[in-house]
Amino acid sequence: MPTSSTVSDVLKLVTAFYVKEGAADDRALYLTLLNSALDEISLHIPEGFDTYWNNDSTDSTYGTLTLSGQTVTFPSDLRNFSRDSVLWNGNQLNLSSIQEMDIAAPEWRGSTGTPSAYMRTISGILLDVEPSGTTDAMLTIYGKGCLPHYEDGESLNPLTYLTLHHQLGVADYIIANLPIVYEVGGKVKSDAAIQSMRDARANAYRR
């Protein structure tokens, strides 16, 4: 296996294991478990991973910020960002607060123009004005995020965030959580075969 695995590399290992047991190949199940593994890893990396997000409608990987009027909604994988990490058209926006905006510019709500400041909310941020003109691909936030989920056909490889050891660990996680195949072709497997499958999953879990 190469020093940097792809999702296909991992799924080949899983497929070989599961089909050998007599199960039908189930890519959808593998991907569900793979994303669950990524979530588990993210939970154990409290500081998150360096990444960024934007509102570029043509960017299927990072274009997950939603801009509606003055409201920006965060994607689910965004954990945190520093005060100077929000940019509009490449220009840094200043951090403000609703109280400060109400004093400095009482009519900021519903105002239009080029954003120069933002305020944090529970689910995202508010811009000091509703952007006018071109808005697509203008907003970027740099910060810390969770490992991104993988969807079939994506070019993004979330495993590149991990060492080879942990990349292989994702395969073990999937194998450890695969349903046991008790019957093949209408014939129930022997107790010894079933125990062997349980042992294989237990070994993958320990790894």
C-alpha atoms as a PDB file:
ATOM      1  CA  MET A   1       0.000   0.000   0.000  1.00  0.00           C
ATOM      2  CA  PRO A   2       1.335   3.503  -0.775  1.00  0.00           C
ATOM      3  CA  THR A   3       2.519   5.845   1.951  1.00  0.00           C
ATOM      4  CA  SER A   4      -0.723   7.792   1.552  1.00  0.00           C
ATOM      5  CA  SER A   5      -3.783   5.608   1.196  1.00  0.00           C
ATOM      6  CA  THR A   6      -6.862   6.558  -0.720  1.00  0.00           C
ATOM      7  CA  VAL A   7     -10.396   5.655   0.233  1.00  0.00           C
ATOM      8  CA  SER A   8     -10.309   3.110  -2.584  1.00  0.00           C
ATOM      9  CA  ASP A   9      -7.232   1.469  -1.018  1.00  0.00           C
ATOM     10  CA  VAL A  10      -9.038   1.093   2.295  1.00  0.00           C
ATOM     11  CA  LEU A  11     -12.236  -0.190   0.715  1.00  0.00           C
ATOM     12  CA  LYS A  12     -10.291  -2.786  -1.302  1.00  0.00           C
ATOM     13  CA  LEU A  13      -9.004  -4.258   1.971  1.00  0.00           C
ATOM     14  CA  VAL A  14     -12.483  -4.261   3.461  1.00  0.00           C
ATOM     15  CA  THR A  15     -14.072  -5.729   0.339  1.00  0.00           C
ATOM     16  CA  ALA A  16     -11.521  -8.542   0.162  1.00  0.00           C
ATOM     17  CA  PHE A  17     -12.209  -9.399   3.807  1.00  0.00           C
ATOM     18  CA  TYR A  18     -15.999  -9.281   3.597  1.00  0.00           C
ATOM     19  CA  VAL A  19     -16.422 -11.057   0.266  1.00  0.00           C
ATOM     20  CA  LYS A  20     -14.121 -13.832   1.485  1.00  0.00           C
ATOM     21  CA  GLU A  21     -16.611 -14.420   4.294  1.00  0.00           C
ATOM     22  CA  GLY A  22     -19.316 -14.914   1.688  1.00  0.00           C
ATOM     23  CA  ALA A  23     -20.994 -11.523   2.090  1.00  0.00           C
ATOM     24  CA  ALA A  24     -22.227  -9.388  -0.767  1.00  0.00           C
ATOM     25  CA  ASP A  25     -20.042  -6.360  -1.478  1.00  0.00           C
ATOM     26  CA  ASP A  26     -21.698  -3.352   0.221  1.00  0.00           C
ATOM     27  CA  ARG A  27     -19.909  -0.100  -0.611  1.00  0.00           C
ATOM     28  CA  ALA A  28     -22.630   2.056   0.960  1.00  0.00           C
ATOM     29  CA  LEU A  29     -22.150   0.256   4.285  1.00  0.00           C
ATOM     30  CA  TYR A  30     -18.364   0.606   4.065  1.00  0.00           C
ATOM     31  CA  LEU A  31     -18.625   4.351   3.459  1.00  0.00           C
ATOM     32  CA  THR A  32     -21.029   4.795   6.371  1.00  0.00           C
ATOM     33  CA  LEU A  33     -18.561   3.034   8.666  1.00  0.00           C
ATOM     34  CA  LEU A  34     -15.616   4.934   7.179  1.00  0.00           C
ATOM     35  CA  ASN A  35     -17.259   8.262   7.989  1.00  0.00           C
ATOM     36  CA  SER A  36     -18.073   6.983  11.462  1.00  0.00           C
ATOM     37  CA  ALA A  37     -14.378   6.162  11.891  1.00  0.00           C
ATOM     38  CA  LEU A  38     -13.430   9.692  10.806  1.00  0.00           C
ATOM     39  CA  ASP A  39     -15.841  11.096  13.388  1.00  0.00           C
ATOM     40  CA  GLU A  40     -14.296   8.910  16.108  1.00  0.00           C
ATOM     41  CA  ILE A  41     -10.815  10.136  15.213  1.00  0.00           C
ATOM     42  CA  SER A  42     -11.966  13.761  15.226  1.00  0.00           C
ATOM     43  CA  LEU A  43     -13.367  13.325  18.736  1.00  0.00           C
ATOM     44  CA  HIS A  44      -9.884  12.341  19.924  1.00  0.00           C
ATOM     45  CA  ILE A  45      -8.199  15.352  18.276  1.00  0.00           C
ATOM     46  CA  PRO A  46      -9.720  18.185  20.344  1.00  0.00           C
ATOM     47  CA  GLU A  47      -7.682  20.917  18.671  1.00  0.00           C
ATOM     48  CA  GLY A  48      -9.011  19.949  15.243  1.00  0.00           C
ATOM     49  CA  PHE A  49      -7.298  20.103  11.856  1.00  0.00           C
ATOM     50  CA  ASP A  50      -6.131  23.162   9.914  1.00  0.00           C
ATOM     51  CA  THR A  51      -8.489  23.830   7.018  1.00  0.00           C
ATOM     52  CA  TYR A  52     -10.689  26.503   5.480  1.00  0.00           C
ATOM     53  CA  TRP A  53     -14.209  27.066   4.150  1.00  0.00           C
ATOM     54  CA  ASN A  54     -15.657  29.396   1.538  1.00  0.00           C
ATOM     55  CA  ASN A  55     -18.922  30.206  -0.226  1.00  0.00           C
ATOM     56  CA  ASP A  56     -17.671  29.266  -3.684  1.00  0.00           C
ATOM     57  CA  SER A  57     -20.575  27.497  -5.400  1.00  0.00           C
ATOM     58  CA  THR A  58     -18.129  25.695  -7.723  1.00  0.00           C
ATOM     59  CA  ASP A  59     -15.988  24.336  -4.883  1.00  0.00           C
ATOM     60  CA  SER A  60     -17.448  20.963  -3.949  1.00  0.00           C
ATOM     61  CA  THR A  61     -14.778  20.390  -1.290  1.00  0.00           C
ATOM     62  CA  TYR A  62     -14.497  23.625   0.691  1.00  0.00           C
ATOM     63  CA  GLY A  63     -17.462  25.654  -0.549  1.00  0.00           C
ATOM     64  CA  THR A  64     -19.731  24.804   2.376  1.00  0.00           C
ATOM     65  CA  LEU A  65     -20.360  28.237   3.893  1.00  0.00           C
ATOM     66  CA  THR A  66     -23.955  29.378   3.413  1.00  0.00           C
ATOM     67  CA  LEU A  67     -24.510  33.116   2.926  1.00  0.00           C
ATOM     68  CA  SER A  68     -28.048  34.477   3.143  1.00  0.00           C
ATOM     69  CA  GLY A  69     -28.378  38.254   3.444  1.00  0.00           C
ATOM     70  CA  GLN A  70     -26.052  39.160   6.305  1.00  0.00           C
ATOM     71  CA  THR A  71     -26.144  35.699   7.862  1.00  0.00           C
ATOM     72  CA  VAL A  72     -23.411  33.112   7.367  1.00  0.00           C
ATOM     73  CA  THR A  73     -24.148  29.568   8.551  1.00  0.00           C
ATOM     74  CA  PHE A  74     -21.232  27.315   9.441  1.00  0.00           C
ATOM     75  CA  PRO A  75     -20.842  23.788   8.033  1.00  0.00           C
ATOM     76  CA  SER A  76     -21.009  20.948  10.534  1.00  0.00           C
ATOM     77  CA  ASP A  77     -17.258  20.248  10.442  1.00  0.00           C
ATOM     78  CA  LEU A  78     -16.151  23.742  11.532  1.00  0.00           C
ATOM     79  CA  ARG A  79     -14.866  23.747  15.092  1.00  0.00           C
ATOM     80  CA  ASN A  80     -13.229  27.108  15.668  1.00  0.00           C
ATOM     81  CA  PHE A  81     -11.384  30.008  14.060  1.00  0.00           C
ATOM     82  CA  SER A  82      -9.366  32.981  15.246  1.00  0.00           C
ATOM     83  CA  ARG A  83     -10.706  36.535  15.173  1.00  0.00           C
ATOM     84  CA  ASP A  84      -8.533  37.531  12.196  1.00  0.00           C
ATOM     85  CA  SER A  85      -9.359  34.499  10.018  1.00  0.00           C
ATOM     86  CA  VAL A  86     -12.475  35.803   8.260  1.00  0.00           C
ATOM     87  CA  LEU A  87     -11.883  37.381   4.849  1.00  0.00           C
ATOM     88  CA  TRP A  88     -14.106  39.031   2.260  1.00  0.00           C
ATOM     89  CA  ASN A  89     -12.595  39.185  -1.216  1.00  0.00           C
ATOM     90  CA  GLY A  90      -9.192  38.577   0.369  1.00  0.00           C
ATOM     91  CA  ASN A  91      -9.542  41.410   2.888  1.00  0.00           C
ATOM     92  CA  GLN A  92      -9.610  40.645   6.603  1.00  0.00           C
ATOM     93  CA  LEU A  93     -12.855  41.462   8.408  1.00  0.00           C
ATOM     94  CA  ASN A  94     -12.784  42.955  11.897  1.00  0.00           C
ATOM     95  CA  LEU A  95     -14.472  41.184  14.781  1.00  0.00           C
ATOM     96  CA  SER A  96     -17.252  43.237  16.350  1.00  0.00           C
ATOM     97  CA  SER A  97     -20.333  42.574  18.469  1.00  0.00           C
ATOM     98  CA  ILE A  98     -24.008  43.324  18.041  1.00  0.00           C
ATOM     99  CA  GLN A  99     -23.826  45.808  20.925  1.00  0.00           C
ATOM    100  CA  GLU A 100     -20.894  47.635  19.332  1.00  0.00           C
ATOM    101  CA  MET A 101     -22.604  47.712  15.948  1.00  0.00           C
ATOM    102  CA  ASP A 102     -25.837  49.043  17.437  1.00  0.00           C
ATOM    103  CA  ILE A 103     -23.876  51.956  18.897  1.00  0.00           C
ATOM    104  CA  ALA A 104     -21.546  52.641  15.958  1.00  0.00           C
ATOM    105  CA  ALA A 105     -24.053  52.064  13.127  1.00  0.00           C
ATOM    106  CA  PRO A 106     -27.640  51.730  14.437  1.00  0.00           C
ATOM    107  CA  GLU A 107     -28.980  50.976  10.947  1.00  0.00           C
ATOM    108  CA  TRP A 108     -26.492  48.190  10.184  1.00  0.00           C
ATOM    109  CA  ARG A 109     -29.241  45.584  10.002  1.00  0.00           C
ATOM    110  CA  GLY A 110     -30.413  45.513   6.395  1.00  0.00           C
ATOM    111  CA  SER A 111     -27.675  47.868   5.189  1.00  0.00           C
ATOM    112  CA  THR A 112     -25.911  46.914   1.954  1.00  0.00           C
ATOM    113  CA  GLY A 113     -22.355  47.355   0.752  1.00  0.00           C
ATOM    114  CA  THR A 114     -18.968  45.684   1.161  1.00  0.00           C
ATOM    115  CA  PRO A 115     -18.525  43.911   4.509  1.00  0.00           C
ATOM    116  CA  SER A 116     -15.762  45.182   6.772  1.00  0.00           C
ATOM    117  CA  ALA A 117     -16.728  43.508  10.060  1.00  0.00           C
ATOM    118  CA  TYR A 118     -18.501  40.450  11.431  1.00  0.00           C
ATOM    119  CA  MET A 119     -20.132  39.273  14.643  1.00  0.00           C
ATOM    120  CA  ARG A 120     -20.115  35.721  15.977  1.00  0.00           C
ATOM    121  CA  THR A 121     -23.383  33.883  16.611  1.00  0.00           C
ATOM    122  CA  ILE A 122     -24.216  30.409  17.882  1.00  0.00           C
ATOM    123  CA  SER A 123     -24.449  28.889  14.412  1.00  0.00           C
ATOM    124  CA  GLY A 124     -22.201  31.188  12.369  1.00  0.00           C
ATOM    125  CA  ILE A 125     -21.524  34.876  11.898  1.00  0.00           C
ATOM    126  CA  LEU A 126     -23.357  38.067  10.957  1.00  0.00           C
ATOM    127  CA  LEU A 127     -21.802  40.508   8.494  1.00  0.00           C
ATOM    128  CA  ASP A 128     -22.022  44.218   9.251  1.00  0.00           C
ATOM    129  CA  VAL A 129     -23.799  44.782   5.915  1.00  0.00           C
ATOM    130  CA  GLU A 130     -25.601  42.675   3.370  1.00  0.00           C
ATOM    131  CA  PRO A 131     -23.057  42.201   0.579  1.00  0.00           C
ATOM    132  CA  SER A 132     -23.934  43.929  -2.672  1.00  0.00           C
ATOM    133  CA  GLY A 133     -22.723  42.965  -6.120  1.00  0.00           C
ATOM    134  CA  THR A 134     -20.922  39.668  -6.557  1.00  0.00           C
ATOM    135  CA  THR A 135     -21.110  37.481  -3.458  1.00  0.00           C
ATOM    136  CA  ASP A 136     -20.154  34.037  -4.749  1.00  0.00           C
ATOM    137  CA  ALA A 137     -16.638  32.917  -3.704  1.00  0.00           C
ATOM    138  CA  MET A 138     -16.026  36.139  -1.800  1.00  0.00           C
ATOM    139  CA  LEU A 139     -16.076  34.809   1.784  1.00  0.00           C
ATOM    140  CA  THR A 140     -13.345  32.618   3.281  1.00  0.00           C
ATOM    141  CA  ILE A 141     -12.825  31.433   6.852  1.00  0.00           C
ATOM    142  CA  TYR A 142      -9.600  29.742   7.981  1.00  0.00           C
ATOM    143  CA  GLY A 143      -9.758  27.651  11.120  1.00  0.00           C
ATOM    144  CA  LYS A 144      -9.907  24.259  12.798  1.00  0.00           C
ATOM    145  CA  GLY A 145     -12.239  21.566  11.585  1.00  0.00           C
ATOM    146  CA  CYS A 146     -13.135  17.929  11.969  1.00  0.00           C
ATOM    147  CA  LEU A 147     -12.035  15.348   9.456  1.00  0.00           C
ATOM    148  CA  PRO A 148     -14.340  15.800   6.461  1.00  0.00           C
ATOM    149  CA  HIS A 149     -16.718  13.031   5.509  1.00  0.00           C
ATOM    150  CA  TYR A 150     -16.197  11.228   2.234  1.00  0.00           C
ATOM    151  CA  GLU A 151     -18.924  10.993  -0.377  1.00  0.00           C
ATOM    152  CA  ASP A 152     -18.675   8.636  -3.326  1.00  0.00           C
ATOM    153  CA  GLY A 153     -16.967  10.274  -6.271  1.00  0.00           C
ATOM    154  CA  GLU A 154     -15.318  13.088  -4.310  1.00  0.00           C
ATOM    155  CA  SER A 155     -11.776  14.109  -5.172  1.00  0.00           C
ATOM    156  CA  LEU A 156     -11.010  15.055  -1.564  1.00  0.00           C
ATOM    157  CA  ASN A 157      -9.185  12.314   0.331  1.00  0.00           C
ATOM    158  CA  PRO A 158      -9.802  12.781   4.081  1.00  0.00           C
ATOM    159  CA  LEU A 159      -7.190  10.108   4.850  1.00  0.00           C
ATOM    160  CA  THR A 160      -4.371  12.494   3.882  1.00  0.00           C
ATOM    161  CA  TYR A 161      -4.860  14.148   7.285  1.00  0.00           C
ATOM    162  CA  LEU A 162      -3.755  10.894   8.946  1.00  0.00           C
ATOM    163  CA  THR A 163      -0.540   8.911   9.257  1.00  0.00           C
ATOM    164  CA  LEU A 164      -0.361   5.587   7.398  1.00  0.00           C
ATOM    165  CA  HIS A 165      -0.901   3.765  10.698  1.00  0.00           C
ATOM    166  CA  HIS A 166      -4.174   5.566  11.269  1.00  0.00           C
ATOM    167  CA  GLN A 167      -5.187   5.178   7.638  1.00  0.00           C
ATOM    168  CA  LEU A 168      -4.948   1.417   8.072  1.00  0.00           C
ATOM    169  CA  GLY A 169      -6.767   1.791  11.366  1.00  0.00           C
ATOM    170  CA  VAL A 170      -9.768   3.096   9.435  1.00  0.00           C
ATOM    171  CA  ALA A 171      -9.891  -0.219   7.546  1.00  0.00           C
ATOM    172  CA  ASP A 172      -9.729  -2.108  10.855  1.00  0.00           C
ATOM    173  CA  TYR A 173     -12.534   0.047  12.260  1.00  0.00           C
ATOM    174  CA  ILE A 174     -14.772  -0.827   9.310  1.00  0.00           C
ATOM    175  CA  ILE A 175     -13.952  -4.538   9.555  1.00  0.00           C
ATOM    176  CA  ALA A 176     -14.559  -4.565  13.312  1.00  0.00           C
ATOM    177  CA  ASN A 177     -18.070  -3.197  12.773  1.00  0.00           C
ATOM    178  CA  LEU A 178     -19.181  -5.286   9.788  1.00  0.00           C
ATOM    179  CA  PRO A 179     -22.250  -7.467  10.360  1.00  0.00           C
ATOM    180  CA  ILE A 180     -21.463 -11.156  10.695  1.00  0.00           C
ATOM    181  CA  VAL A 181     -22.517 -13.337   7.757  1.00  0.00           C
ATOM    182  CA  TYR A 182     -24.308 -16.279   9.356  1.00  0.00           C
ATOM    183  CA  GLU A 183     -25.638 -17.831   6.169  1.00  0.00           C
ATOM    184  CA  VAL A 184     -24.339 -18.185   2.623  1.00  0.00           C
ATOM    185  CA  GLY A 185     -26.415 -19.588  -0.236  1.00  0.00           C
ATOM    186  CA  GLY A 186     -29.126 -20.706   2.143  1.00  0.00           C
ATOM    187  CA  LYS A 187     -26.685 -22.702   4.255  1.00  0.00           C
ATOM    188  CA  VAL A 188     -26.014 -21.712   7.860  1.00  0.00           C
ATOM    189  CA  LYS A 189     -22.337 -21.521   8.727  1.00  0.00           C
ATOM    190  CA  SER A 190     -20.806 -23.754  11.367  1.00  0.00           C
ATOM    191  CA  ASP A 191     -20.230 -22.560  14.904  1.00  0.00           C
ATOM    192  CA  ALA A 192     -16.490 -22.663  14.255  1.00  0.00           C
ATOM    193  CA  ALA A 193     -16.824 -20.443  11.185  1.00  0.00           C
ATOM    194  CA  ILE A 194     -19.000 -17.966  13.068  1.00  0.00           C
ATOM    195  CA  GLN A 195     -16.533 -17.844  15.946  1.00  0.00           C
ATOM    196  CA  SER A 196     -13.713 -17.262  13.452  1.00  0.00           C
ATOM    197  CA  MET A 197     -15.576 -14.236  12.073  1.00  0.00           C
ATOM    198  CA  ARG A 198     -16.107 -12.902  15.585  1.00  0.00           C
ATOM    199  CA  ASP A 199     -12.412 -13.359  16.345  1.00  0.00           C
ATOM    200  CA  ALA A 200     -11.458 -11.527  13.144  1.00  0.00           C
ATOM    201  CA  ARG A 201     -13.577  -8.554  14.170  1.00  0.00           C
ATOM    202  CA  ALA A 202     -12.204  -8.605  17.701  1.00  0.00           C
ATOM    203  CA  ASN A 203      -8.646  -8.594  16.348  1.00  0.00           C
ATOM    204  CA  ALA A 204      -9.464  -5.668  14.060  1.00  0.00           C
ATOM    205  CA  TYR A 205     -11.011  -3.831  17.008  1.00  0.00           C
ATOM    206  CA  ARG A 206      -7.854  -4.325  19.106  1.00  0.00           C
ATOM    207  CA  ARG A 207      -5.626  -3.101  16.292  1.00  0.00           C
END
